[in-house]
Amino acid sequence: MKLWGKIWKDNHMLRDFVAVDESDDTRTHKVFHCLELICAEFDLGRPIWLESGIRDFKHNKKARFTQDCFIEEITFDYLEIQILEE
């Protein structure tokens, strides 16, 4: 699985990173592992999955994490993740 993480502010992508998990684990575990790798790369705490984010991810293979999803203050508008390859 390849998961693309992007940090956005004012409709501009500030940073991006592609996390890869080639294990035989479940799809859900691969997503969580890739999200951990993305957050480590961006030096972020792990975001909380809100119901709207889960729904978007299931339907569009993409989710956005805004300030509501983070415990600490963020300096960008949102973190977006998108599946590039399963």
N, C-alpha and C. Protein backbone atom coordinates (compact mmCIF):
# COMPACT_ATOMS: atom_id res chain seq x y z
N MET A 1 0.84 -1.18 0.00
CA MET A 1 0.00 0.00 0.00
C MET A 1 0.89 1.24 0.00
N LYS A 2 0.46 2.22 -0.77
CA LYS A 2 1.12 3.53 -0.77
C LYS A 2 0.08 4.56 -0.37
N LEU A 3 0.42 5.35 0.65
CA LEU A 3 -0.47 6.38 1.16
C LEU A 3 0.25 7.72 1.04
N TRP A 4 -0.39 8.66 0.36
CA TRP A 4 0.20 9.98 0.12
C TRP A 4 -0.33 10.95 1.16
N GLY A 5 0.56 11.53 1.93
CA GLY A 5 0.19 12.53 2.93
C GLY A 5 0.60 13.92 2.46
N LYS A 6 -0.32 14.88 2.59
CA LYS A 6 -0.06 16.25 2.13
C LYS A 6 -0.51 17.23 3.18
N ILE A 7 0.31 18.24 3.43
CA ILE A 7 -0.05 19.32 4.34
C ILE A 7 -0.43 20.53 3.49
N TRP A 8 -1.63 21.08 3.77
CA TRP A 8 -2.17 22.20 3.00
C TRP A 8 -2.39 23.43 3.87
N LYS A 9 -2.08 24.58 3.32
CA LYS A 9 -2.39 25.86 3.96
C LYS A 9 -2.72 26.87 2.87
N ASP A 10 -3.85 27.53 3.01
CA ASP A 10 -4.29 28.54 2.03
C ASP A 10 -4.30 27.99 0.60
N ASN A 11 -4.81 26.78 0.43
CA ASN A 11 -4.92 26.12 -0.87
C ASN A 11 -3.58 25.87 -1.55
N HIS A 12 -2.51 25.83 -0.79
CA HIS A 12 -1.19 25.49 -1.31
C HIS A 12 -0.64 24.29 -0.54
N MET A 13 -0.09 23.35 -1.27
CA MET A 13 0.52 22.20 -0.62
C MET A 13 1.90 22.61 -0.12
N LEU A 14 2.10 22.49 1.20
CA LEU A 14 3.37 22.88 1.80
C LEU A 14 4.38 21.74 1.79
N ARG A 15 3.89 20.53 2.09
CA ARG A 15 4.77 19.36 2.16
C ARG A 15 3.99 18.14 1.72
N ASP A 16 4.73 17.14 1.26
CA ASP A 16 4.09 15.86 0.98
C ASP A 16 5.07 14.74 1.21
N PHE A 17 4.52 13.56 1.41
CA PHE A 17 5.33 12.37 1.71
C PHE A 17 4.49 11.14 1.34
N VAL A 18 5.14 10.19 0.73
CA VAL A 18 4.47 8.93 0.40
C VAL A 18 5.00 7.84 1.33
N ALA A 19 4.08 7.25 2.09
CA ALA A 19 4.43 6.16 3.00
C ALA A 19 4.06 4.84 2.33
N VAL A 20 4.92 3.85 2.52
CA VAL A 20 4.72 2.55 1.89
C VAL A 20 4.69 1.46 2.96
N ASP A 21 3.73 0.56 2.83
CA ASP A 21 3.63 -0.62 3.70
C ASP A 21 3.41 -1.82 2.80
N GLU A 22 4.40 -2.68 2.71
CA GLU A 22 4.31 -3.87 1.85
C GLU A 22 4.07 -5.15 2.64
N SER A 23 3.60 -5.01 3.87
CA SER A 23 3.35 -6.18 4.71
C SER A 23 2.11 -6.93 4.24
N ASP A 24 1.87 -8.08 4.84
CA ASP A 24 0.69 -8.88 4.55
C ASP A 24 -0.45 -8.59 5.53
N ASP A 25 -0.36 -7.48 6.23
CA ASP A 25 -1.35 -7.11 7.23
C ASP A 25 -2.67 -6.71 6.56
N THR A 26 -3.68 -6.44 7.37
CA THR A 26 -4.98 -6.03 6.84
C THR A 26 -4.89 -4.61 6.27
N ARG A 27 -5.86 -4.27 5.45
CA ARG A 27 -5.90 -2.93 4.84
C ARG A 27 -5.93 -1.85 5.92
N THR A 28 -6.75 -2.04 6.94
CA THR A 28 -6.87 -1.07 8.02
C THR A 28 -5.55 -0.88 8.74
N HIS A 29 -4.87 -1.98 9.06
CA HIS A 29 -3.58 -1.87 9.75
C HIS A 29 -2.54 -1.17 8.87
N LYS A 30 -2.58 -1.44 7.57
CA LYS A 30 -1.65 -0.77 6.66
C LYS A 30 -1.91 0.73 6.63
N VAL A 31 -3.18 1.14 6.60
CA VAL A 31 -3.52 2.56 6.60
C VAL A 31 -3.01 3.21 7.88
N PHE A 32 -3.27 2.59 9.02
CA PHE A 32 -2.81 3.15 10.30
C PHE A 32 -1.29 3.24 10.35
N HIS A 33 -0.61 2.21 9.86
CA HIS A 33 0.86 2.21 9.87
C HIS A 33 1.39 3.32 8.96
N CYS A 34 0.84 3.45 7.77
CA CYS A 34 1.27 4.51 6.85
C CYS A 34 0.99 5.89 7.43
N LEU A 35 -0.15 6.05 8.09
CA LEU A 35 -0.47 7.33 8.72
C LEU A 35 0.54 7.65 9.82
N GLU A 36 0.95 6.65 10.57
CA GLU A 36 1.99 6.86 11.59
C GLU A 36 3.29 7.32 10.95
N LEU A 37 3.67 6.71 9.83
CA LEU A 37 4.90 7.10 9.13
C LEU A 37 4.81 8.54 8.62
N ILE A 38 3.65 8.91 8.09
CA ILE A 38 3.45 10.27 7.60
C ILE A 38 3.55 11.27 8.75
N CYS A 39 2.89 10.97 9.86
CA CYS A 39 2.93 11.87 11.02
C CYS A 39 4.34 11.99 11.58
N ALA A 40 5.08 10.90 11.57
CA ALA A 40 6.47 10.95 12.04
C ALA A 40 7.31 11.84 11.12
N GLU A 41 7.10 11.70 9.81
CA GLU A 41 7.83 12.52 8.83
C GLU A 41 7.53 14.00 9.02
N PHE A 42 6.28 14.35 9.31
CA PHE A 42 5.87 15.73 9.48
C PHE A 42 5.97 16.21 10.93
N ASP A 43 6.44 15.34 11.84
CA ASP A 43 6.56 15.65 13.27
C ASP A 43 5.21 16.09 13.85
N LEU A 44 4.19 15.26 13.61
CA LEU A 44 2.84 15.52 14.09
C LEU A 44 2.39 14.40 15.02
N GLY A 45 1.50 14.73 15.94
CA GLY A 45 0.82 13.70 16.69
C GLY A 45 -0.21 13.03 15.79
N ARG A 46 -0.58 11.81 16.12
CA ARG A 46 -1.58 11.11 15.29
C ARG A 46 -2.94 11.78 15.41
N PRO A 47 -3.61 12.00 14.30
CA PRO A 47 -4.93 12.62 14.34
C PRO A 47 -6.01 11.63 14.78
N ILE A 48 -7.10 12.19 15.21
CA ILE A 48 -8.27 11.40 15.60
C ILE A 48 -9.16 11.26 14.37
N TRP A 49 -9.64 10.04 14.12
CA TRP A 49 -10.54 9.80 12.99
C TRP A 49 -11.96 10.18 13.39
N LEU A 50 -12.48 11.25 12.83
CA LEU A 50 -13.87 11.63 13.05
C LEU A 50 -14.75 10.86 12.06
N GLU A 51 -16.03 10.76 12.37
CA GLU A 51 -16.95 9.98 11.54
C GLU A 51 -16.95 10.45 10.08
N SER A 52 -16.90 11.76 9.87
CA SER A 52 -16.91 12.29 8.50
C SER A 52 -15.65 11.87 7.75
N GLY A 53 -14.52 11.84 8.43
CA GLY A 53 -13.27 11.42 7.81
C GLY A 53 -13.28 9.94 7.44
N ILE A 54 -13.85 9.13 8.30
CA ILE A 54 -13.96 7.69 8.03
C ILE A 54 -14.84 7.47 6.81
N ARG A 55 -15.96 8.17 6.75
CA ARG A 55 -16.89 8.04 5.63
C ARG A 55 -16.22 8.47 4.31
N ASP A 56 -15.53 9.60 4.34
CA ASP A 56 -14.83 10.07 3.13
C ASP A 56 -13.76 9.08 2.69
N PHE A 57 -13.04 8.53 3.64
CA PHE A 57 -11.98 7.60 3.30
C PHE A 57 -12.53 6.32 2.68
N LYS A 58 -13.64 5.84 3.21
CA LYS A 58 -14.25 4.63 2.66
C LYS A 58 -14.74 4.84 1.23
N HIS A 59 -15.31 6.01 0.95
CA HIS A 59 -15.89 6.27 -0.37
C HIS A 59 -14.88 6.80 -1.39
N ASN A 60 -13.94 7.64 -0.95
CA ASN A 60 -13.06 8.34 -1.88
C ASN A 60 -11.60 7.95 -1.78
N LYS A 61 -11.26 7.07 -0.83
CA LYS A 61 -9.87 6.70 -0.57
C LYS A 61 -9.03 7.93 -0.24
N LYS A 62 -9.69 8.91 0.40
CA LYS A 62 -9.05 10.16 0.75
C LYS A 62 -9.70 10.69 2.03
N ALA A 63 -8.89 11.29 2.90
CA ALA A 63 -9.45 11.88 4.13
C ALA A 63 -8.67 13.14 4.48
N ARG A 64 -9.35 14.07 5.13
CA ARG A 64 -8.72 15.31 5.59
C ARG A 64 -8.82 15.37 7.11
N PHE A 65 -7.72 15.79 7.72
CA PHE A 65 -7.67 15.96 9.16
C PHE A 65 -7.41 17.44 9.45
N THR A 66 -8.43 18.12 9.98
CA THR A 66 -8.33 19.53 10.32
C THR A 66 -7.94 19.67 11.79
N GLN A 67 -7.92 20.89 12.29
CA GLN A 67 -7.56 21.16 13.68
C GLN A 67 -8.41 20.34 14.65
N ASP A 68 -9.67 20.09 14.32
CA ASP A 68 -10.55 19.31 15.19
C ASP A 68 -10.03 17.89 15.43
N CYS A 69 -9.19 17.40 14.55
CA CYS A 69 -8.69 16.02 14.65
C CYS A 69 -7.38 15.92 15.42
N PHE A 70 -6.78 17.05 15.77
CA PHE A 70 -5.50 17.05 16.46
C PHE A 70 -5.66 17.61 17.87
N ILE A 71 -4.90 17.04 18.79
CA ILE A 71 -4.91 17.55 20.16
C ILE A 71 -4.09 18.82 20.25
N GLU A 72 -2.90 18.80 19.62
CA GLU A 72 -2.04 19.98 19.65
C GLU A 72 -2.45 20.97 18.56
N GLU A 73 -1.99 22.18 18.71
CA GLU A 73 -2.26 23.22 17.72
C GLU A 73 -1.46 22.94 16.45
N ILE A 74 -2.10 23.09 15.29
CA ILE A 74 -1.40 22.89 14.02
C ILE A 74 -1.23 24.25 13.33
N THR A 75 -0.21 24.36 12.49
CA THR A 75 0.09 25.62 11.83
C THR A 75 -0.32 25.60 10.35
N PHE A 76 -1.15 24.64 9.98
CA PHE A 76 -1.62 24.50 8.61
C PHE A 76 -3.12 24.29 8.65
N ASP A 77 -3.75 24.27 7.48
CA ASP A 77 -5.21 24.13 7.42
C ASP A 77 -5.66 22.68 7.62
N TYR A 78 -4.99 21.74 6.93
CA TYR A 78 -5.35 20.34 7.11
C TYR A 78 -4.27 19.42 6.57
N LEU A 79 -4.30 18.19 7.10
CA LEU A 79 -3.48 17.10 6.59
C LEU A 79 -4.41 16.22 5.77
N GLU A 80 -4.03 15.95 4.55
CA GLU A 80 -4.84 15.09 3.68
C GLU A 80 -4.06 13.83 3.38
N ILE A 81 -4.76 12.69 3.46
CA ILE A 81 -4.15 11.43 3.07
C ILE A 81 -4.96 10.84 1.92
N GLN A 82 -4.26 10.15 1.04
CA GLN A 82 -4.91 9.57 -0.13
C GLN A 82 -4.19 8.27 -0.50
N ILE A 83 -4.97 7.22 -0.76
CA ILE A 83 -4.38 5.96 -1.18
C ILE A 83 -3.97 6.09 -2.65
N LEU A 84 -2.69 5.82 -2.90
CA LEU A 84 -2.18 5.82 -4.28
C LEU A 84 -2.22 4.42 -4.88
N GLU A 85 -1.96 3.43 -4.01
CA GLU A 85 -1.89 2.05 -4.51
C GLU A 85 -2.20 1.12 -3.36
N GLU A 86 -3.03 0.11 -3.66
CA GLU A 86 -3.36 -0.89 -2.63
C GLU A 86 -2.69 -2.20 -2.94
